[in-house]
Amino acid sequence: MLTLYDYMDSGNGYKCRLVLAHLGIPFKLVLCDILKGETRTPEFLARNPNGRIPTLQIEDDTFLAESGAIIWYLADGTPLAPTDRKARAETLQWMFFEQYSHEPNIAVARFWKHYLPKLSALQEMDLPNRMKNGYAALDVMEKHLARNAFFVGGSFGLADIALYAYTHVAHEGEFDLAPFSSIKAWMSRVAAQPNHVTISHKN
C-alpha cells in the first residue's frame, strides 16, 4: 500500500490526497507536523533529503517528493492525466504556473497570515509584493476560466487539482475572491466532482 507523509493544512499535500481520492486509491496517511520540525528529523530526511511534505512511499519502498511529480505518478494512465501530447503540455504549463506564479505568493501569504503569530520585519516588507503577485496570478486564472469550464481540454484534470488546492483557501491569506466570479464558479465545479474530499479530510 502507498504511504503518504503529509501535513493536513498543506495545499501541496492536499493535491496528492485529492488525486488519491478521485482515483479511489487506498493509502496510509502519516501525519508530520511541519511546525514542530517533524520533517527535519534524521528518520524523515532519510525518506526525503529536502525535508518536506508531501512525500510518497511507493510499492517498491522508494520515495517520491514534490507534489507535481507525485500527482503525475498517481494519475498517469488515468482520465486525470491527458494522453494527447498538446493537452499534456498544457497541463504541465498550468502546473508550472501554479508552482512559479501562484503558490509562492498565495500559499506564502496564507501561511504568514494564518499560521504565524507575528510577521518579521522582512515579511512585513515583502507581504505587499506577495499580495500583488498573488492577485496577478488570480487574474490570469480568471481570464482563462471566463472562457473555459476547466483548465485543459474542457474536462477536470490534474491542472485543476494543482490550482484548486491553494486557490480555495486563498481567503486565509486575506485574498478577496469576490471579484473573481469565474474562479468561484470553477471552484464550485471542482468541489462537485465525484469523490471530492476537503483539505481537512483524513483517509
N, C-alpha and C. Protein backbone atom coordinates (compact mmCIF):
# COMPACT_ATOMS: atom_id res chain seq x y z
N MET A 1 0.83 -1.20 0.00
CA MET A 1 0.00 0.00 0.00
C MET A 1 0.87 1.25 0.00
N LEU A 2 0.41 2.27 -0.69
CA LEU A 2 1.10 3.55 -0.69
C LEU A 2 1.04 4.19 0.69
N THR A 3 2.09 4.91 1.03
CA THR A 3 2.11 5.68 2.28
C THR A 3 2.41 7.13 1.95
N LEU A 4 1.53 8.03 2.39
CA LEU A 4 1.70 9.45 2.14
C LEU A 4 2.07 10.14 3.45
N TYR A 5 3.25 10.76 3.46
CA TYR A 5 3.68 11.58 4.60
C TYR A 5 3.21 13.00 4.31
N ASP A 6 2.42 13.56 5.23
CA ASP A 6 1.71 14.79 4.89
C ASP A 6 1.41 15.62 6.13
N TYR A 7 1.01 16.85 5.88
CA TYR A 7 0.54 17.80 6.90
C TYR A 7 -0.81 18.29 6.40
N MET A 8 -1.87 18.14 7.20
CA MET A 8 -3.22 18.27 6.69
C MET A 8 -3.55 19.66 6.14
N ASP A 9 -2.93 20.70 6.63
CA ASP A 9 -3.23 22.04 6.16
C ASP A 9 -2.44 22.43 4.91
N SER A 10 -1.56 21.56 4.46
CA SER A 10 -0.73 21.86 3.30
C SER A 10 -1.53 21.71 2.01
N GLY A 11 -1.54 22.75 1.19
CA GLY A 11 -2.17 22.65 -0.11
C GLY A 11 -1.44 21.68 -1.02
N ASN A 12 -0.12 21.64 -0.90
CA ASN A 12 0.66 20.71 -1.73
C ASN A 12 0.32 19.26 -1.38
N GLY A 13 0.19 18.98 -0.10
CA GLY A 13 -0.23 17.65 0.29
C GLY A 13 -1.66 17.34 -0.12
N TYR A 14 -2.51 18.37 -0.04
CA TYR A 14 -3.92 18.20 -0.41
C TYR A 14 -4.06 17.78 -1.87
N LYS A 15 -3.20 18.30 -2.74
CA LYS A 15 -3.23 17.88 -4.15
C LYS A 15 -3.12 16.36 -4.24
N CYS A 16 -2.20 15.79 -3.49
CA CYS A 16 -1.99 14.34 -3.53
C CYS A 16 -3.19 13.60 -2.98
N ARG A 17 -3.75 14.09 -1.87
CA ARG A 17 -4.92 13.44 -1.29
C ARG A 17 -6.13 13.53 -2.22
N LEU A 18 -6.25 14.64 -2.95
CA LEU A 18 -7.35 14.77 -3.90
C LEU A 18 -7.22 13.75 -5.03
N VAL A 19 -6.02 13.61 -5.58
CA VAL A 19 -5.83 12.64 -6.65
C VAL A 19 -6.11 11.23 -6.15
N LEU A 20 -5.58 10.89 -4.99
CA LEU A 20 -5.83 9.57 -4.41
C LEU A 20 -7.32 9.32 -4.21
N ALA A 21 -8.03 10.35 -3.74
CA ALA A 21 -9.47 10.21 -3.51
C ALA A 21 -10.23 10.04 -4.82
N HIS A 22 -9.91 10.89 -5.80
CA HIS A 22 -10.61 10.81 -7.08
C HIS A 22 -10.39 9.48 -7.78
N LEU A 23 -9.23 8.90 -7.59
CA LEU A 23 -8.91 7.63 -8.24
C LEU A 23 -9.26 6.42 -7.38
N GLY A 24 -9.70 6.67 -6.15
CA GLY A 24 -10.07 5.57 -5.27
C GLY A 24 -8.91 4.68 -4.88
N ILE A 25 -7.73 5.29 -4.75
CA ILE A 25 -6.53 4.52 -4.40
C ILE A 25 -6.37 4.48 -2.88
N PRO A 26 -6.34 3.31 -2.28
CA PRO A 26 -6.13 3.24 -0.82
C PRO A 26 -4.70 3.63 -0.46
N PHE A 27 -4.55 4.26 0.68
CA PHE A 27 -3.21 4.65 1.12
C PHE A 27 -3.19 4.82 2.62
N LYS A 28 -2.01 4.74 3.16
CA LYS A 28 -1.79 5.01 4.58
C LYS A 28 -1.33 6.45 4.72
N LEU A 29 -1.92 7.18 5.63
CA LEU A 29 -1.56 8.58 5.86
C LEU A 29 -0.74 8.69 7.14
N VAL A 30 0.46 9.25 7.02
CA VAL A 30 1.31 9.50 8.19
C VAL A 30 1.44 11.01 8.33
N LEU A 31 0.91 11.54 9.41
CA LEU A 31 0.92 12.98 9.61
C LEU A 31 2.26 13.43 10.19
N CYS A 32 2.77 14.52 9.63
CA CYS A 32 4.04 15.10 10.07
C CYS A 32 3.80 16.57 10.35
N ASP A 33 4.03 17.00 11.57
CA ASP A 33 3.79 18.39 11.94
C ASP A 33 5.00 19.23 11.53
N ILE A 34 4.84 19.97 10.44
CA ILE A 34 5.97 20.77 9.95
C ILE A 34 6.30 21.91 10.90
N LEU A 35 5.32 22.36 11.68
CA LEU A 35 5.55 23.45 12.62
C LEU A 35 6.38 23.00 13.81
N LYS A 36 6.46 21.70 14.02
CA LYS A 36 7.27 21.14 15.10
C LYS A 36 8.57 20.52 14.60
N GLY A 37 8.86 20.71 13.32
CA GLY A 37 10.11 20.21 12.78
C GLY A 37 10.15 18.72 12.52
N GLU A 38 8.98 18.10 12.38
CA GLU A 38 8.95 16.64 12.23
C GLU A 38 9.42 16.16 10.86
N THR A 39 9.62 17.08 9.92
CA THR A 39 10.19 16.68 8.62
C THR A 39 11.69 16.96 8.56
N ARG A 40 12.26 17.35 9.68
CA ARG A 40 13.70 17.65 9.73
C ARG A 40 14.46 16.64 10.57
N THR A 41 13.80 15.58 10.96
CA THR A 41 14.46 14.55 11.76
C THR A 41 15.32 13.66 10.84
N PRO A 42 16.32 12.99 11.38
CA PRO A 42 17.12 12.07 10.56
C PRO A 42 16.26 11.01 9.88
N GLU A 43 15.22 10.53 10.58
CA GLU A 43 14.36 9.49 10.01
C GLU A 43 13.62 10.00 8.78
N PHE A 44 13.09 11.23 8.87
CA PHE A 44 12.35 11.76 7.72
C PHE A 44 13.31 12.14 6.60
N LEU A 45 14.44 12.72 6.93
CA LEU A 45 15.39 13.12 5.90
C LEU A 45 15.94 11.91 5.13
N ALA A 46 15.90 10.74 5.73
CA ALA A 46 16.29 9.53 5.00
C ALA A 46 15.27 9.21 3.91
N ARG A 47 14.02 9.64 4.10
CA ARG A 47 12.98 9.43 3.10
C ARG A 47 13.02 10.53 2.04
N ASN A 48 13.20 11.76 2.50
CA ASN A 48 13.24 12.91 1.59
C ASN A 48 14.31 13.87 2.09
N PRO A 49 15.48 13.88 1.48
CA PRO A 49 16.57 14.74 1.95
C PRO A 49 16.24 16.22 1.95
N ASN A 50 15.20 16.62 1.21
CA ASN A 50 14.78 18.02 1.19
C ASN A 50 13.92 18.37 2.40
N GLY A 51 13.52 17.37 3.17
CA GLY A 51 12.81 17.60 4.42
C GLY A 51 11.46 18.28 4.27
N ARG A 52 10.70 17.84 3.27
CA ARG A 52 9.41 18.48 3.02
C ARG A 52 8.32 17.44 2.79
N ILE A 53 7.10 17.87 3.10
CA ILE A 53 5.94 17.08 2.70
C ILE A 53 5.32 17.79 1.51
N PRO A 54 4.56 17.06 0.67
CA PRO A 54 4.27 15.63 0.77
C PRO A 54 5.43 14.77 0.28
N THR A 55 5.53 13.60 0.85
CA THR A 55 6.45 12.57 0.39
C THR A 55 5.66 11.27 0.29
N LEU A 56 5.79 10.59 -0.83
CA LEU A 56 5.02 9.37 -1.06
C LEU A 56 5.94 8.17 -1.11
N GLN A 57 5.65 7.19 -0.27
CA GLN A 57 6.36 5.90 -0.32
C GLN A 57 5.58 4.99 -1.26
N ILE A 58 6.21 4.55 -2.33
CA ILE A 58 5.51 3.74 -3.31
C ILE A 58 5.78 2.25 -3.08
N GLU A 59 5.20 1.43 -3.96
CA GLU A 59 5.14 0.00 -3.69
C GLU A 59 6.50 -0.67 -3.60
N ASP A 60 7.51 -0.13 -4.26
CA ASP A 60 8.83 -0.76 -4.18
C ASP A 60 9.67 -0.20 -3.03
N ASP A 61 8.99 0.51 -2.10
CA ASP A 61 9.63 1.06 -0.90
C ASP A 61 10.63 2.17 -1.22
N THR A 62 10.47 2.79 -2.38
CA THR A 62 11.21 4.02 -2.65
C THR A 62 10.27 5.20 -2.42
N PHE A 63 10.83 6.40 -2.49
CA PHE A 63 10.07 7.59 -2.12
C PHE A 63 10.06 8.60 -3.25
N LEU A 64 8.91 9.25 -3.42
CA LEU A 64 8.76 10.35 -4.35
C LEU A 64 8.46 11.62 -3.58
N ALA A 65 9.10 12.71 -3.98
CA ALA A 65 8.83 14.01 -3.37
C ALA A 65 8.33 14.97 -4.46
N GLU A 66 7.89 16.15 -4.02
CA GLU A 66 7.35 17.22 -4.87
C GLU A 66 5.94 16.85 -5.34
N SER A 67 4.99 17.69 -4.99
CA SER A 67 3.58 17.39 -5.24
C SER A 67 3.28 17.17 -6.72
N GLY A 68 3.87 17.98 -7.60
CA GLY A 68 3.61 17.82 -9.02
C GLY A 68 4.05 16.47 -9.54
N ALA A 69 5.22 16.02 -9.11
CA ALA A 69 5.72 14.71 -9.52
C ALA A 69 4.84 13.60 -8.96
N ILE A 70 4.42 13.77 -7.71
CA ILE A 70 3.60 12.73 -7.07
C ILE A 70 2.25 12.59 -7.77
N ILE A 71 1.58 13.71 -8.04
CA ILE A 71 0.24 13.59 -8.64
C ILE A 71 0.33 13.09 -10.08
N TRP A 72 1.42 13.42 -10.78
CA TRP A 72 1.56 12.89 -12.14
C TRP A 72 1.80 11.37 -12.09
N TYR A 73 2.62 10.93 -11.15
CA TYR A 73 2.87 9.49 -10.98
C TYR A 73 1.56 8.76 -10.69
N LEU A 74 0.75 9.32 -9.79
CA LEU A 74 -0.50 8.67 -9.40
C LEU A 74 -1.51 8.65 -10.55
N ALA A 75 -1.56 9.74 -11.31
CA ALA A 75 -2.63 9.90 -12.31
C ALA A 75 -2.26 9.40 -13.69
N ASP A 76 -1.00 9.13 -13.93
CA ASP A 76 -0.57 8.71 -15.27
C ASP A 76 -1.36 7.47 -15.70
N GLY A 77 -1.94 7.54 -16.90
CA GLY A 77 -2.74 6.43 -17.40
C GLY A 77 -4.19 6.47 -16.98
N THR A 78 -4.60 7.54 -16.28
CA THR A 78 -6.00 7.71 -15.86
C THR A 78 -6.58 8.94 -16.57
N PRO A 79 -7.90 9.13 -16.50
CA PRO A 79 -8.51 10.30 -17.14
C PRO A 79 -8.02 11.64 -16.58
N LEU A 80 -7.41 11.67 -15.41
CA LEU A 80 -6.93 12.93 -14.84
C LEU A 80 -5.70 13.46 -15.58
N ALA A 81 -4.96 12.59 -16.25
CA ALA A 81 -3.74 12.98 -16.96
C ALA A 81 -3.97 12.77 -18.45
N PRO A 82 -4.01 13.82 -19.24
CA PRO A 82 -4.32 13.66 -20.67
C PRO A 82 -3.28 12.79 -21.38
N THR A 83 -3.75 12.10 -22.42
CA THR A 83 -2.83 11.33 -23.26
C THR A 83 -2.40 12.12 -24.48
N ASP A 84 -3.21 13.08 -24.89
CA ASP A 84 -2.87 13.92 -26.04
C ASP A 84 -1.62 14.75 -25.73
N ARG A 85 -0.71 14.81 -26.67
CA ARG A 85 0.58 15.48 -26.44
C ARG A 85 0.40 16.94 -26.05
N LYS A 86 -0.43 17.66 -26.80
CA LYS A 86 -0.62 19.07 -26.51
C LYS A 86 -1.33 19.28 -25.18
N ALA A 87 -2.32 18.46 -24.89
CA ALA A 87 -3.04 18.59 -23.61
C ALA A 87 -2.13 18.27 -22.43
N ARG A 88 -1.23 17.32 -22.61
CA ARG A 88 -0.27 17.02 -21.53
C ARG A 88 0.64 18.22 -21.29
N ALA A 89 1.11 18.84 -22.38
CA ALA A 89 1.96 20.02 -22.24
C ALA A 89 1.20 21.17 -21.59
N GLU A 90 -0.07 21.35 -21.95
CA GLU A 90 -0.87 22.42 -21.34
C GLU A 90 -1.09 22.15 -19.86
N THR A 91 -1.28 20.88 -19.51
CA THR A 91 -1.42 20.53 -18.09
C THR A 91 -0.15 20.89 -17.33
N LEU A 92 0.99 20.52 -17.88
CA LEU A 92 2.26 20.87 -17.24
C LEU A 92 2.46 22.38 -17.19
N GLN A 93 2.02 23.07 -18.23
CA GLN A 93 2.12 24.54 -18.25
C GLN A 93 1.41 25.14 -17.04
N TRP A 94 0.18 24.68 -16.78
CA TRP A 94 -0.56 25.21 -15.64
C TRP A 94 0.02 24.76 -14.31
N MET A 95 0.57 23.55 -14.26
CA MET A 95 1.20 23.09 -13.03
C MET A 95 2.46 23.88 -12.74
N PHE A 96 3.22 24.23 -13.77
CA PHE A 96 4.41 25.07 -13.57
C PHE A 96 4.01 26.48 -13.17
N PHE A 97 2.95 26.99 -13.78
CA PHE A 97 2.41 28.30 -13.40
C PHE A 97 2.04 28.30 -11.92
N GLU A 98 1.40 27.23 -11.48
CA GLU A 98 0.99 27.15 -10.07
C GLU A 98 2.20 27.21 -9.14
N GLN A 99 3.25 26.50 -9.49
CA GLN A 99 4.41 26.45 -8.61
C GLN A 99 5.28 27.71 -8.70
N TYR A 100 5.25 28.39 -9.83
CA TYR A 100 6.13 29.55 -10.02
C TYR A 100 5.44 30.89 -9.74
N SER A 101 4.18 31.04 -10.16
CA SER A 101 3.50 32.32 -10.05
C SER A 101 2.40 32.36 -9.00
N HIS A 102 1.82 31.21 -8.72
CA HIS A 102 0.66 31.14 -7.83
C HIS A 102 1.05 30.78 -6.39
N GLU A 103 1.60 29.60 -6.22
CA GLU A 103 1.92 29.09 -4.88
C GLU A 103 2.90 29.97 -4.09
N PRO A 104 3.97 30.49 -4.71
CA PRO A 104 4.91 31.30 -3.92
C PRO A 104 4.29 32.58 -3.35
N ASN A 105 3.17 32.98 -3.88
CA ASN A 105 2.52 34.21 -3.40
C ASN A 105 1.28 33.91 -2.57
N ILE A 106 0.35 33.15 -3.12
CA ILE A 106 -0.89 32.88 -2.40
C ILE A 106 -0.66 31.96 -1.21
N ALA A 107 0.11 30.90 -1.40
CA ALA A 107 0.36 29.98 -0.29
C ALA A 107 1.23 30.61 0.79
N VAL A 108 2.22 31.38 0.38
CA VAL A 108 3.10 32.03 1.37
C VAL A 108 2.33 33.06 2.18
N ALA A 109 1.53 33.89 1.51
CA ALA A 109 0.72 34.87 2.23
C ALA A 109 -0.24 34.18 3.19
N ARG A 110 -0.82 33.06 2.76
CA ARG A 110 -1.71 32.30 3.64
C ARG A 110 -0.96 31.80 4.88
N PHE A 111 0.23 31.25 4.67
CA PHE A 111 0.98 30.72 5.80
C PHE A 111 1.35 31.85 6.77
N TRP A 112 1.84 32.95 6.23
CA TRP A 112 2.24 34.05 7.08
C TRP A 112 1.07 34.61 7.89
N LYS A 113 -0.06 34.80 7.25
CA LYS A 113 -1.19 35.46 7.91
C LYS A 113 -2.03 34.52 8.76
N HIS A 114 -2.07 33.26 8.36
CA HIS A 114 -2.98 32.33 9.03
C HIS A 114 -2.31 31.50 10.12
N TYR A 115 -0.98 31.33 10.02
CA TYR A 115 -0.32 30.42 10.93
C TYR A 115 0.73 31.06 11.83
N LEU A 116 1.29 32.18 11.42
CA LEU A 116 2.33 32.81 12.23
C LEU A 116 1.71 33.81 13.21
N PRO A 117 2.15 33.78 14.46
CA PRO A 117 1.60 34.74 15.43
C PRO A 117 1.96 36.18 15.11
N LYS A 118 3.12 36.36 14.48
CA LYS A 118 3.57 37.71 14.14
C LYS A 118 4.57 37.63 12.99
N LEU A 119 4.47 38.58 12.08
CA LEU A 119 5.40 38.61 10.96
C LEU A 119 6.70 39.30 11.35
N SER A 120 7.79 38.84 10.74
CA SER A 120 9.06 39.53 10.94
C SER A 120 9.05 40.83 10.15
N ALA A 121 10.03 41.67 10.39
CA ALA A 121 10.12 42.93 9.65
C ALA A 121 10.28 42.67 8.15
N LEU A 122 11.09 41.67 7.80
CA LEU A 122 11.28 41.34 6.39
C LEU A 122 9.99 40.82 5.75
N GLN A 123 9.24 40.00 6.50
CA GLN A 123 7.97 39.51 5.98
C GLN A 123 6.97 40.66 5.78
N GLU A 124 6.94 41.58 6.72
CA GLU A 124 6.06 42.75 6.59
C GLU A 124 6.40 43.54 5.33
N MET A 125 7.69 43.67 5.04
CA MET A 125 8.12 44.41 3.86
C MET A 125 7.76 43.66 2.57
N ASP A 126 7.85 42.34 2.62
CA ASP A 126 7.64 41.53 1.43
C ASP A 126 6.18 41.25 1.14
N LEU A 127 5.33 41.33 2.15
CA LEU A 127 3.93 40.94 2.01
C LEU A 127 3.18 41.70 0.91
N PRO A 128 3.29 43.02 0.79
CA PRO A 128 2.55 43.70 -0.29
C PRO A 128 2.89 43.17 -1.68
N ASN A 129 4.14 42.81 -1.89
CA ASN A 129 4.54 42.25 -3.18
C ASN A 129 3.94 40.87 -3.39
N ARG A 130 3.90 40.08 -2.32
CA ARG A 130 3.27 38.75 -2.41
C ARG A 130 1.79 38.90 -2.76
N MET A 131 1.12 39.85 -2.13
CA MET A 131 -0.30 40.06 -2.40
C MET A 131 -0.51 40.53 -3.85
N LYS A 132 0.31 41.46 -4.29
CA LYS A 132 0.21 41.97 -5.66
C LYS A 132 0.39 40.84 -6.67
N ASN A 133 1.42 40.03 -6.48
CA ASN A 133 1.69 38.95 -7.42
C ASN A 133 0.64 37.84 -7.32
N GLY A 134 0.10 37.64 -6.12
CA GLY A 134 -0.97 36.66 -5.97
C GLY A 134 -2.21 37.08 -6.74
N TYR A 135 -2.57 38.35 -6.64
CA TYR A 135 -3.73 38.84 -7.41
C TYR A 135 -3.46 38.77 -8.91
N ALA A 136 -2.22 38.99 -9.31
CA ALA A 136 -1.88 38.88 -10.73
C ALA A 136 -2.10 37.46 -11.23
N ALA A 137 -1.72 36.47 -10.41
CA ALA A 137 -1.93 35.07 -10.78
C ALA A 137 -3.42 34.75 -10.85
N LEU A 138 -4.18 35.26 -9.89
CA LEU A 138 -5.63 35.04 -9.92
C LEU A 138 -6.26 35.67 -11.15
N ASP A 139 -5.75 36.80 -11.57
CA ASP A 139 -6.28 37.47 -12.76
C ASP A 139 -6.04 36.62 -14.01
N VAL A 140 -4.87 36.00 -14.10
CA VAL A 140 -4.59 35.10 -15.23
C VAL A 140 -5.59 33.94 -15.23
N MET A 141 -5.83 33.36 -14.07
CA MET A 141 -6.78 32.26 -13.96
C MET A 141 -8.19 32.71 -14.32
N GLU A 142 -8.59 33.87 -13.83
CA GLU A 142 -9.94 34.38 -14.09
C GLU A 142 -10.20 34.54 -15.58
N LYS A 143 -9.24 35.10 -16.28
CA LYS A 143 -9.41 35.31 -17.72
C LYS A 143 -9.52 33.98 -18.46
N HIS A 144 -8.75 33.01 -18.05
CA HIS A 144 -8.82 31.69 -18.71
C HIS A 144 -10.16 31.02 -18.40
N LEU A 145 -10.60 31.09 -17.15
CA LEU A 145 -11.82 30.40 -16.74
C LEU A 145 -13.08 31.12 -17.23
N ALA A 146 -12.95 32.35 -17.62
CA ALA A 146 -14.10 33.05 -18.22
C ALA A 146 -14.48 32.41 -19.55
N ARG A 147 -13.54 31.68 -20.16
CA ARG A 147 -13.77 31.07 -21.47
C ARG A 147 -13.75 29.54 -21.41
N ASN A 148 -13.37 28.98 -20.26
CA ASN A 148 -13.20 27.54 -20.15
C ASN A 148 -13.76 27.03 -18.83
N ALA A 149 -14.45 25.89 -18.88
CA ALA A 149 -15.01 25.32 -17.65
C ALA A 149 -13.92 24.77 -16.74
N PHE A 150 -12.87 24.21 -17.36
CA PHE A 150 -11.73 23.68 -16.62
C PHE A 150 -10.47 24.16 -17.33
N PHE A 151 -9.30 23.85 -16.78
CA PHE A 151 -8.09 24.45 -17.31
C PHE A 151 -7.60 23.84 -18.62
N VAL A 152 -7.82 22.54 -18.81
CA VAL A 152 -7.30 21.89 -20.01
C VAL A 152 -8.36 20.99 -20.63
N GLY A 153 -8.63 21.22 -21.91
CA GLY A 153 -9.44 20.28 -22.67
C GLY A 153 -10.90 20.21 -22.29
N GLY A 154 -11.37 21.16 -21.51
CA GLY A 154 -12.78 21.17 -21.15
C GLY A 154 -13.20 20.14 -20.13
N SER A 155 -12.25 19.46 -19.51
CA SER A 155 -12.60 18.46 -18.51
C SER A 155 -11.69 18.56 -17.30
N PHE A 156 -12.19 18.08 -16.18
CA PHE A 156 -11.48 18.12 -14.91
C PHE A 156 -10.22 17.26 -14.97
N GLY A 157 -9.10 17.80 -14.49
CA GLY A 157 -7.86 17.03 -14.53
C GLY A 157 -6.82 17.57 -13.56
N LEU A 158 -5.59 17.15 -13.76
CA LEU A 158 -4.51 17.49 -12.83
C LEU A 158 -4.27 18.99 -12.71
N ALA A 159 -4.44 19.73 -13.81
CA ALA A 159 -4.23 21.18 -13.73
C ALA A 159 -5.21 21.81 -12.76
N ASP A 160 -6.45 21.33 -12.77
CA ASP A 160 -7.46 21.86 -11.86
C ASP A 160 -7.12 21.51 -10.41
N ILE A 161 -6.70 20.29 -10.18
CA ILE A 161 -6.33 19.88 -8.83
C ILE A 161 -5.17 20.72 -8.31
N ALA A 162 -4.15 20.91 -9.16
CA ALA A 162 -2.98 21.67 -8.74
C ALA A 162 -3.35 23.11 -8.35
N LEU A 163 -4.23 23.72 -9.11
CA LEU A 163 -4.58 25.12 -8.85
C LEU A 163 -5.67 25.29 -7.81
N TYR A 164 -6.51 24.31 -7.66
CA TYR A 164 -7.59 24.40 -6.66
C TYR A 164 -7.04 24.39 -5.24
N ALA A 165 -5.99 23.62 -5.01
CA ALA A 165 -5.52 23.36 -3.65
C ALA A 165 -5.30 24.63 -2.84
N TYR A 166 -4.57 25.59 -3.38
CA TYR A 166 -4.34 26.82 -2.64
C TYR A 166 -5.32 27.93 -2.99
N THR A 167 -5.97 27.86 -4.16
CA THR A 167 -6.94 28.90 -4.50
C THR A 167 -8.13 28.86 -3.57
N HIS A 168 -8.61 27.67 -3.24
CA HIS A 168 -9.84 27.60 -2.45
C HIS A 168 -9.63 28.01 -0.98
N VAL A 169 -8.38 28.15 -0.56
CA VAL A 169 -8.11 28.66 0.78
C VAL A 169 -7.39 30.01 0.72
N ALA A 170 -7.44 30.67 -0.44
CA ALA A 170 -6.75 31.96 -0.59
C ALA A 170 -7.27 33.01 0.38
N HIS A 171 -8.54 32.87 0.78
CA HIS A 171 -9.10 33.84 1.74
C HIS A 171 -8.37 33.79 3.08
N GLU A 172 -7.74 32.67 3.39
CA GLU A 172 -6.98 32.58 4.64
C GLU A 172 -5.73 33.42 4.59
N GLY A 173 -5.31 33.81 3.39
CA GLY A 173 -4.23 34.77 3.22
C GLY A 173 -4.75 36.17 2.97
N GLU A 174 -6.05 36.35 3.20
CA GLU A 174 -6.74 37.63 3.04
C GLU A 174 -6.82 38.10 1.59
N PHE A 175 -6.84 37.14 0.66
CA PHE A 175 -7.15 37.46 -0.72
C PHE A 175 -8.67 37.51 -0.87
N ASP A 176 -9.16 38.55 -1.50
CA ASP A 176 -10.59 38.72 -1.72
C ASP A 176 -10.95 38.12 -3.07
N LEU A 177 -11.70 37.02 -3.05
CA LEU A 177 -12.08 36.35 -4.29
C LEU A 177 -13.41 36.85 -4.85
N ALA A 178 -14.05 37.80 -4.17
CA ALA A 178 -15.35 38.30 -4.62
C ALA A 178 -15.35 38.79 -6.07
N PRO A 179 -14.31 39.50 -6.53
CA PRO A 179 -14.34 39.98 -7.92
C PRO A 179 -14.08 38.88 -8.97
N PHE A 180 -13.71 37.69 -8.52
CA PHE A 180 -13.30 36.64 -9.46
C PHE A 180 -14.44 35.62 -9.64
N SER A 181 -15.45 36.03 -10.34
CA SER A 181 -16.65 35.20 -10.47
C SER A 181 -16.38 33.90 -11.22
N SER A 182 -15.52 33.94 -12.20
CA SER A 182 -15.22 32.72 -12.96
C SER A 182 -14.43 31.72 -12.12
N ILE A 183 -13.52 32.23 -11.29
CA ILE A 183 -12.79 31.35 -10.38
C ILE A 183 -13.75 30.71 -9.38
N LYS A 184 -14.67 31.50 -8.84
CA LYS A 184 -15.61 30.97 -7.85
C LYS A 184 -16.50 29.90 -8.47
N ALA A 185 -16.95 30.12 -9.70
CA ALA A 185 -17.78 29.12 -10.37
C ALA A 185 -16.98 27.85 -10.63
N TRP A 186 -15.72 28.01 -11.03
CA TRP A 186 -14.84 26.86 -11.25
C TRP A 186 -14.61 26.09 -9.96
N MET A 187 -14.38 26.78 -8.86
CA MET A 187 -14.17 26.09 -7.59
C MET A 187 -15.39 25.26 -7.22
N SER A 188 -16.58 25.77 -7.50
CA SER A 188 -17.80 25.00 -7.24
C SER A 188 -17.85 23.76 -8.11
N ARG A 189 -17.42 23.88 -9.37
CA ARG A 189 -17.40 22.70 -10.25
C ARG A 189 -16.39 21.67 -9.75
N VAL A 190 -15.24 22.13 -9.29
CA VAL A 190 -14.25 21.20 -8.76
C VAL A 190 -14.79 20.48 -7.53
N ALA A 191 -15.38 21.24 -6.62
CA ALA A 191 -15.90 20.65 -5.38
C ALA A 191 -17.06 19.70 -5.63
N ALA A 192 -17.71 19.83 -6.78
CA ALA A 192 -18.85 18.97 -7.10
C ALA A 192 -18.43 17.67 -7.79
N GLN A 193 -17.14 17.48 -8.05
CA GLN A 193 -16.67 16.27 -8.71
C GLN A 193 -16.87 15.06 -7.79
N PRO A 194 -17.19 13.90 -8.38
CA PRO A 194 -17.33 12.69 -7.56
C PRO A 194 -16.06 12.40 -6.77
N ASN A 195 -16.24 11.93 -5.55
CA ASN A 195 -15.14 11.53 -4.66
C ASN A 195 -14.31 12.71 -4.15
N HIS A 196 -14.81 13.93 -4.32
CA HIS A 196 -14.08 15.09 -3.80
C HIS A 196 -13.97 15.00 -2.28
N VAL A 197 -12.82 15.39 -1.76
CA VAL A 197 -12.62 15.46 -0.31
C VAL A 197 -12.13 16.86 0.04
N THR A 198 -12.39 17.27 1.27
CA THR A 198 -11.93 18.58 1.73
C THR A 198 -10.49 18.51 2.20
N ILE A 199 -9.89 19.66 2.38
CA ILE A 199 -8.48 19.71 2.76
C ILE A 199 -8.24 19.09 4.13
N SER A 200 -9.25 19.10 4.99
CA SER A 200 -9.08 18.56 6.34
C SER A 200 -9.45 17.09 6.45
N HIS A 201 -9.88 16.50 5.32
CA HIS A 201 -10.33 15.09 5.34
C HIS A 201 -9.14 14.16 5.55
N LYS A 202 -9.31 13.20 6.43
CA LYS A 202 -8.28 12.19 6.66
C LYS A 202 -8.74 10.86 6.11
N ASN A 203 -7.82 10.16 5.44
CA ASN A 203 -8.16 8.86 4.86
C ASN A 203 -8.52 7.86 5.95
